Structure formats: C-alpha cells, structure tokens
Amino acid sequence: MAVRLVALDLDGTVLGPGTEIAAELPGVLRRAADAGVWITLATGRMLLSAAGVQRRLGIEGPLLAYNGGAVRLTDGAGWSEGIPLAAAHAIGRLCRERGYFLQCYLGDEVFVSAADPRADAYSALAGVGYRVDPETAFFPASEPAKLLVIEPVERQPQVRAAVAEAAAGAVSLFHSYPHYLEIVRAGVDKGTALARLTARLGLEPAEVMAVGDAENDLPMVTYAGIGVAVANAGAVLRSAADYVCEAPCGAGVAEAIRRFAL
C-alpha cells in the first residue's frame, strides 16, 4: 500500500545537532504534502514548541506532543491525557527529597523546580520559556501533560528506578536524550497516539511510515507499516526498524520519504 501518513520525531531526527534542519528537508516534505501525504510531527516536546518547528519546515498537519499525551489536529480539535495527580505529586516529592531537577508541563507552560543552567539549555533547545515555581513543579494543581527529570546520564538508571517505584505503575517512562527522563501517563506513547490518529484519518497501519532515533520513538516505529531509524539512531531502535537510513537526522528523513513516500 502507498504511504499516506508520515510521522516524524523531532530531536535527533528532523532536527540535527541543536535545532539544525537539513537544507533539503523542507522541500521534500512539501513535495510529499503536495502528493497528498499527511505529515505529522511526533515529539516529546510541548505543542507550542512543535508548532514552531512546523512553521520552520513550512508544512501543516497534525501534531503529536508530549510523547502522545496531547494531540492537535489541523482543525484545532484533539485530545490530551495527563499524569494522575497522585502520581505527579509522588514523583514531585521524590525529586524534592533527592534533589533531582524537575520540569512540569501544564498546558503550554513549563514550570521548573529551580533556576538552573539545565532549564536554560532546555529553553534554548525547545524555543520556549519557563517559570521558576517549585511548588507548581513539585505539586501541580492539575494533571500535568508531562514531567521531565534532567540529570546526568550516569544517574539516570537510579533516577528511573526511583521514579518507577514512586509512581507505582501510573506512568510510562522514556528517554528522548540520555539525560532526559520523560514521564507521561501510563499507556501514553507515540505509537498509541499514532494509531488513534491513523484511525481518525481513515487510514490503515500499512499506509503509515514513522521515523525516529530514540527510545521514545520505538512504539510508533513498531506500529507503522514502515518503521524507519535514521543513521544516528540508537541500537534498540535500529534493530526494530524495517529500514535504517544511510544518512543521519534530517537528511535521513528526506532519504526515507523519497524512498517510500514519493
């Protein structure tokens, strides 16, 4: 079957080092869109940040944000699934007690537990601001779309185990970068959101291609009829993919679209 929907991760896939976009990619994406292919960006980022990248690419299409925790369709409709408050507060309590750096996402705002260079680095990467508000970061008043623990790579196994224990099965955990532990509601992932979007558009999984580079892309890459890993992808994703690109990041995305969607 022909590819009718392409789902693309952002960091490490569409975006190269920092926020670089391969020069050839916007033109290839527009050619695919002109040929009737839906292009959706599927990211751990917030909707505001994803929409900014979408504008840079010069395309339109659905957005899957927060690792599938919030979806916005082209008509403005969509859905969202937040982390249960009890689990969010348990994780917040853990992070406060152990000194883990926590970011909390409510709507399209980022609340951080302290002024810290890690918040500045994230802000520069995602192109969004943040508010220093430890009370909201640790104990939000409503269900957050996502929590993010930023700690050095060597501490991440310890952090991940502690968060999993504190949340008691109420959350799903992913790494988008080795030092970023992404936390969303249990059952939320890019694959589940992509499956729901596919059905909403009246398509079949065989008509879907998904491209990624990291652990949080695994559910959508395994769901799609054609699962693609860019050349810089981690070993787990590469082994799960139907096709591994010769080129990294955006150049690899362009390669995959030319090969399978055009």
Protein backbone atom coordinates (compact mmCIF):
# COMPACT_ATOMS: atom_id res chain seq x y z
CA MET A 1 0.00 0.00 0.00
CA ALA A 2 1.11 3.57 -0.65
CA VAL A 3 2.33 5.69 2.27
CA ARG A 4 -0.40 8.20 3.16
CA LEU A 5 0.82 9.36 6.59
CA VAL A 6 4.38 10.11 7.74
CA ALA A 7 5.12 10.57 11.44
CA LEU A 8 8.42 12.26 12.28
CA ASP A 9 10.23 12.62 15.57
CA LEU A 10 11.92 15.99 16.06
CA ASP A 11 15.08 16.00 18.20
CA GLY A 12 17.74 13.81 16.63
CA THR A 13 15.51 13.08 13.64
CA VAL A 14 14.03 16.13 11.88
CA LEU A 15 16.40 18.29 13.92
CA GLY A 16 20.11 17.64 13.87
CA PRO A 17 22.60 18.90 16.45
CA GLY A 18 20.86 21.65 18.36
CA THR A 19 17.98 22.81 16.19
CA GLU A 20 19.56 22.40 12.72
CA ILE A 21 17.28 21.44 9.81
CA ALA A 22 18.84 19.79 6.77
CA ALA A 23 18.58 22.17 3.80
CA GLU A 24 16.88 19.59 1.58
CA LEU A 25 14.21 18.52 4.08
CA PRO A 26 11.57 21.30 3.82
CA GLY A 27 11.35 20.89 0.04
CA VAL A 28 10.99 17.11 0.30
CA LEU A 29 8.28 17.47 2.94
CA ARG A 30 6.34 19.94 0.80
CA ARG A 31 6.59 17.60 -2.21
CA ALA A 32 5.13 14.79 -0.11
CA ALA A 33 2.35 17.03 1.20
CA ASP A 34 1.54 18.19 -2.34
CA ALA A 35 1.28 14.50 -3.30
CA GLY A 36 -1.43 14.01 -0.68
CA VAL A 37 0.69 12.60 2.16
CA TRP A 38 -0.18 13.69 5.70
CA ILE A 39 2.89 14.88 7.65
CA THR A 40 2.68 14.77 11.44
CA LEU A 41 5.38 15.72 13.92
CA ALA A 42 5.51 13.31 16.87
CA THR A 43 7.62 14.60 19.73
CA GLY A 44 8.20 14.71 23.45
CA ARG A 45 8.11 18.49 23.17
CA MET A 46 5.10 20.65 24.05
CA LEU A 47 2.62 21.73 21.38
CA LEU A 48 3.97 25.29 21.32
CA SER A 49 7.50 24.08 20.55
CA ALA A 50 6.33 21.53 17.95
CA ALA A 51 4.26 24.19 16.20
CA GLY A 52 7.35 26.39 15.97
CA VAL A 53 9.29 23.66 14.17
CA GLN A 54 6.32 23.02 11.91
CA ARG A 55 6.40 26.68 10.84
CA ARG A 56 10.15 26.48 10.18
CA LEU A 57 9.52 23.48 7.92
CA GLY A 58 6.76 25.32 6.06
CA ILE A 59 4.25 22.50 6.45
CA GLU A 60 0.88 21.85 8.05
CA GLY A 61 -0.50 18.72 9.69
CA PRO A 62 -1.47 17.11 12.99
CA LEU A 63 0.86 17.45 15.96
CA LEU A 64 1.57 14.67 18.47
CA ALA A 65 3.17 16.32 21.50
CA TYR A 66 4.29 15.14 24.95
CA ASN A 67 5.10 11.68 23.55
CA GLY A 68 1.46 11.31 22.51
CA GLY A 69 0.00 12.89 25.65
CA ALA A 70 -1.52 15.75 23.64
CA VAL A 71 -2.65 15.68 20.01
CA ARG A 72 -3.82 18.64 17.93
CA LEU A 73 -5.48 18.07 14.58
CA THR A 74 -5.46 20.50 11.68
CA ASP A 75 -9.00 21.69 12.52
CA GLY A 76 -7.94 22.62 16.05
CA ALA A 77 -9.62 19.59 17.64
CA GLY A 78 -7.64 16.97 19.51
CA TRP A 79 -7.23 15.21 22.83
CA SER A 80 -4.93 15.05 25.83
CA GLU A 81 -4.13 12.65 28.67
CA GLY A 82 -2.34 13.94 31.76
CA ILE A 83 -0.46 12.25 34.59
CA PRO A 84 -2.74 11.40 37.56
CA LEU A 85 -2.21 13.94 40.33
CA ALA A 86 -1.34 11.36 42.98
CA ALA A 87 1.48 10.03 40.80
CA ALA A 88 2.66 13.52 39.83
CA HIS A 89 2.84 14.54 43.49
CA ALA A 90 4.64 11.32 44.46
CA ILE A 91 7.26 12.00 41.79
CA GLY A 92 7.49 15.64 42.85
CA ARG A 93 8.04 14.61 46.48
CA LEU A 94 10.76 12.18 45.41
CA CYS A 95 12.53 14.80 43.29
CA ARG A 96 12.37 17.40 46.03
CA GLU A 97 13.77 15.00 48.64
CA ARG A 98 16.59 13.72 46.43
CA GLY A 99 17.42 16.98 44.68
CA TYR A 100 16.50 15.80 41.17
CA PHE A 101 15.93 18.63 38.71
CA LEU A 102 12.27 18.51 37.66
CA GLN A 103 10.30 20.26 34.93
CA CYS A 104 6.48 20.16 34.94
CA TYR A 105 4.36 20.82 31.84
CA LEU A 106 0.91 22.30 32.36
CA GLY A 107 -0.86 23.24 29.14
CA ASP A 108 1.81 25.01 27.14
CA GLU A 109 3.82 26.29 30.09
CA VAL A 110 6.95 24.85 31.66
CA PHE A 111 7.43 25.13 35.41
CA VAL A 112 10.85 24.32 36.85
CA SER A 113 11.88 23.46 40.38
CA ALA A 114 14.81 25.92 40.48
CA ALA A 115 16.77 28.42 38.41
CA ASP A 116 19.34 26.19 36.77
CA PRO A 117 21.51 26.05 33.62
CA ARG A 118 19.65 22.86 32.67
CA ALA A 119 16.44 24.86 32.35
CA ASP A 120 18.26 27.42 30.20
CA ALA A 121 19.66 24.67 27.95
CA TYR A 122 16.21 23.11 27.52
CA SER A 123 14.67 26.51 26.82
CA ALA A 124 17.23 27.21 24.09
CA LEU A 125 16.74 23.77 22.56
CA ALA A 126 12.93 23.82 22.56
CA GLY A 127 12.49 27.53 21.84
CA VAL A 128 10.18 28.08 24.82
CA GLY A 129 10.37 29.96 28.09
CA TYR A 130 9.90 28.65 31.62
CA ARG A 131 8.75 29.77 35.05
CA VAL A 132 10.65 29.09 38.26
CA ASP A 133 7.92 27.86 40.58
CA PRO A 134 8.99 24.90 42.75
CA GLU A 135 5.56 24.49 44.34
CA THR A 136 3.89 24.03 40.94
CA ALA A 137 6.76 21.94 39.57
CA PHE A 138 6.66 19.53 42.51
CA PHE A 139 2.93 19.64 43.32
CA PRO A 140 0.86 20.86 40.34
CA ALA A 141 -2.80 21.72 40.95
CA SER A 142 -3.97 19.90 37.80
CA GLU A 143 -2.79 16.87 35.85
CA PRO A 144 0.46 17.71 34.02
CA ALA A 145 0.88 16.59 30.42
CA LYS A 146 4.46 15.57 31.15
CA LEU A 147 7.19 15.64 33.76
CA LEU A 148 10.86 15.73 32.83
CA VAL A 149 13.78 14.85 35.11
CA ILE A 150 17.09 16.20 33.85
CA GLU A 151 20.06 14.51 35.50
CA PRO A 152 23.48 13.31 34.28
CA VAL A 153 23.50 10.12 32.23
CA GLU A 154 25.28 8.14 34.94
CA ARG A 155 22.49 8.92 37.43
CA GLN A 156 19.64 8.06 35.09
CA PRO A 157 19.32 4.33 35.95
CA GLN A 158 18.95 5.27 39.63
CA VAL A 159 16.53 8.09 38.80
CA ARG A 160 14.42 5.90 36.52
CA ALA A 161 14.12 3.11 39.07
CA ALA A 162 13.17 5.54 41.84
CA VAL A 163 10.53 7.31 39.71
CA ALA A 164 9.01 3.99 38.63
CA GLU A 165 8.73 2.89 42.25
CA ALA A 166 7.23 6.20 43.41
CA ALA A 167 4.63 6.27 40.62
CA ALA A 168 3.53 2.66 41.23
CA GLY A 169 2.58 1.85 37.65
CA ALA A 170 0.72 5.09 36.94
CA VAL A 171 3.24 6.44 34.42
CA SER A 172 5.28 5.44 31.38
CA LEU A 173 8.96 6.34 31.19
CA PHE A 174 11.11 7.08 28.15
CA HIS A 175 14.44 8.65 27.29
CA SER A 176 14.43 11.22 24.49
CA TYR A 177 18.04 12.16 25.25
CA PRO A 178 20.21 10.04 27.55
CA HIS A 179 19.98 12.72 30.29
CA TYR A 180 16.25 13.41 29.83
CA LEU A 181 13.80 11.09 31.61
CA GLU A 182 10.38 11.73 30.07
CA ILE A 183 7.37 10.88 32.24
CA VAL A 184 3.81 10.60 30.90
CA ARG A 185 0.60 8.84 31.91
CA ALA A 186 0.69 5.03 31.75
CA GLY A 187 -0.45 3.85 28.33
CA VAL A 188 0.58 7.08 26.62
CA ASP A 189 3.19 6.77 23.90
CA LYS A 190 3.78 7.85 20.33
CA GLY A 191 2.58 4.54 18.93
CA THR A 192 -0.80 4.66 20.70
CA ALA A 193 -1.36 8.27 19.65
CA LEU A 194 -0.32 7.50 16.08
CA ALA A 195 -2.72 4.54 15.94
CA ARG A 196 -5.57 6.77 17.09
CA LEU A 197 -4.64 9.44 14.55
CA THR A 198 -4.40 6.82 11.78
CA ALA A 199 -7.93 5.62 12.53
CA ARG A 200 -9.18 9.21 12.75
CA LEU A 201 -7.87 9.84 9.23
CA GLY A 202 -9.45 6.64 7.91
CA LEU A 203 -6.10 5.02 7.14
CA GLU A 204 -4.53 1.62 7.80
CA PRO A 205 -1.24 0.99 9.65
CA ALA A 206 0.23 -0.27 6.36
CA GLU A 207 -0.21 3.26 4.97
CA VAL A 208 1.91 4.80 7.75
CA MET A 209 5.64 5.45 7.91
CA ALA A 210 7.27 6.55 11.18
CA VAL A 211 10.83 7.85 11.51
CA GLY A 212 12.80 8.26 14.73
CA ASP A 213 16.09 7.92 16.56
CA ALA A 214 15.47 7.25 20.27
CA GLU A 215 13.73 5.03 22.81
CA ASN A 216 10.58 7.14 22.92
CA ASP A 217 10.16 6.58 19.15
CA LEU A 218 10.08 2.78 19.47
CA PRO A 219 6.27 2.45 19.88
CA MET A 220 5.48 4.40 16.72
CA VAL A 221 8.26 2.81 14.67
CA THR A 222 6.99 -0.66 15.55
CA TYR A 223 3.35 0.35 14.94
CA ALA A 224 3.86 1.81 11.48
CA GLY A 225 3.73 -0.29 8.34
CA ILE A 226 7.18 1.10 7.56
CA GLY A 227 9.31 1.82 10.61
CA VAL A 228 12.46 3.82 9.92
CA ALA A 229 15.54 4.65 12.00
CA VAL A 230 17.84 7.46 10.95
CA ALA A 231 21.54 6.57 10.80
CA ASN A 232 22.27 8.16 14.18
CA ALA A 233 19.56 6.15 15.97
CA GLY A 234 20.31 4.00 19.00
CA ALA A 235 20.86 0.26 18.66
CA VAL A 236 17.43 -0.72 20.02
CA LEU A 237 15.56 1.41 17.51
CA ARG A 238 17.81 0.36 14.64
CA SER A 239 17.15 -3.31 15.35
CA ALA A 240 13.38 -2.72 15.47
CA ALA A 241 13.18 -0.69 12.27
CA ASP A 242 12.23 -2.02 8.85
CA TYR A 243 14.73 0.35 7.26
CA VAL A 244 17.82 2.12 8.59
CA CYS A 245 18.78 5.26 6.69
CA GLU A 246 22.23 5.80 5.32
CA ALA A 247 22.09 9.46 6.37
CA PRO A 248 21.57 10.91 9.86
CA CYS A 249 18.86 13.26 11.14
CA GLY A 250 17.04 15.41 8.59
CA ALA A 251 18.98 14.09 5.62
CA GLY A 252 17.90 10.60 6.65
CA VAL A 253 14.28 11.73 6.90
CA ALA A 254 14.48 13.13 3.38
CA GLU A 255 16.04 9.84 2.22
CA ALA A 256 13.21 7.79 3.73
CA ILE A 257 10.47 10.00 2.29
CA ARG A 258 11.99 9.83 -1.19
CA ARG A 259 12.33 6.05 -0.94
CA PHE A 260 8.90 5.18 0.48
CA ALA A 261 6.50 8.12 0.12
CA LEU A 262 7.37 9.77 -3.20
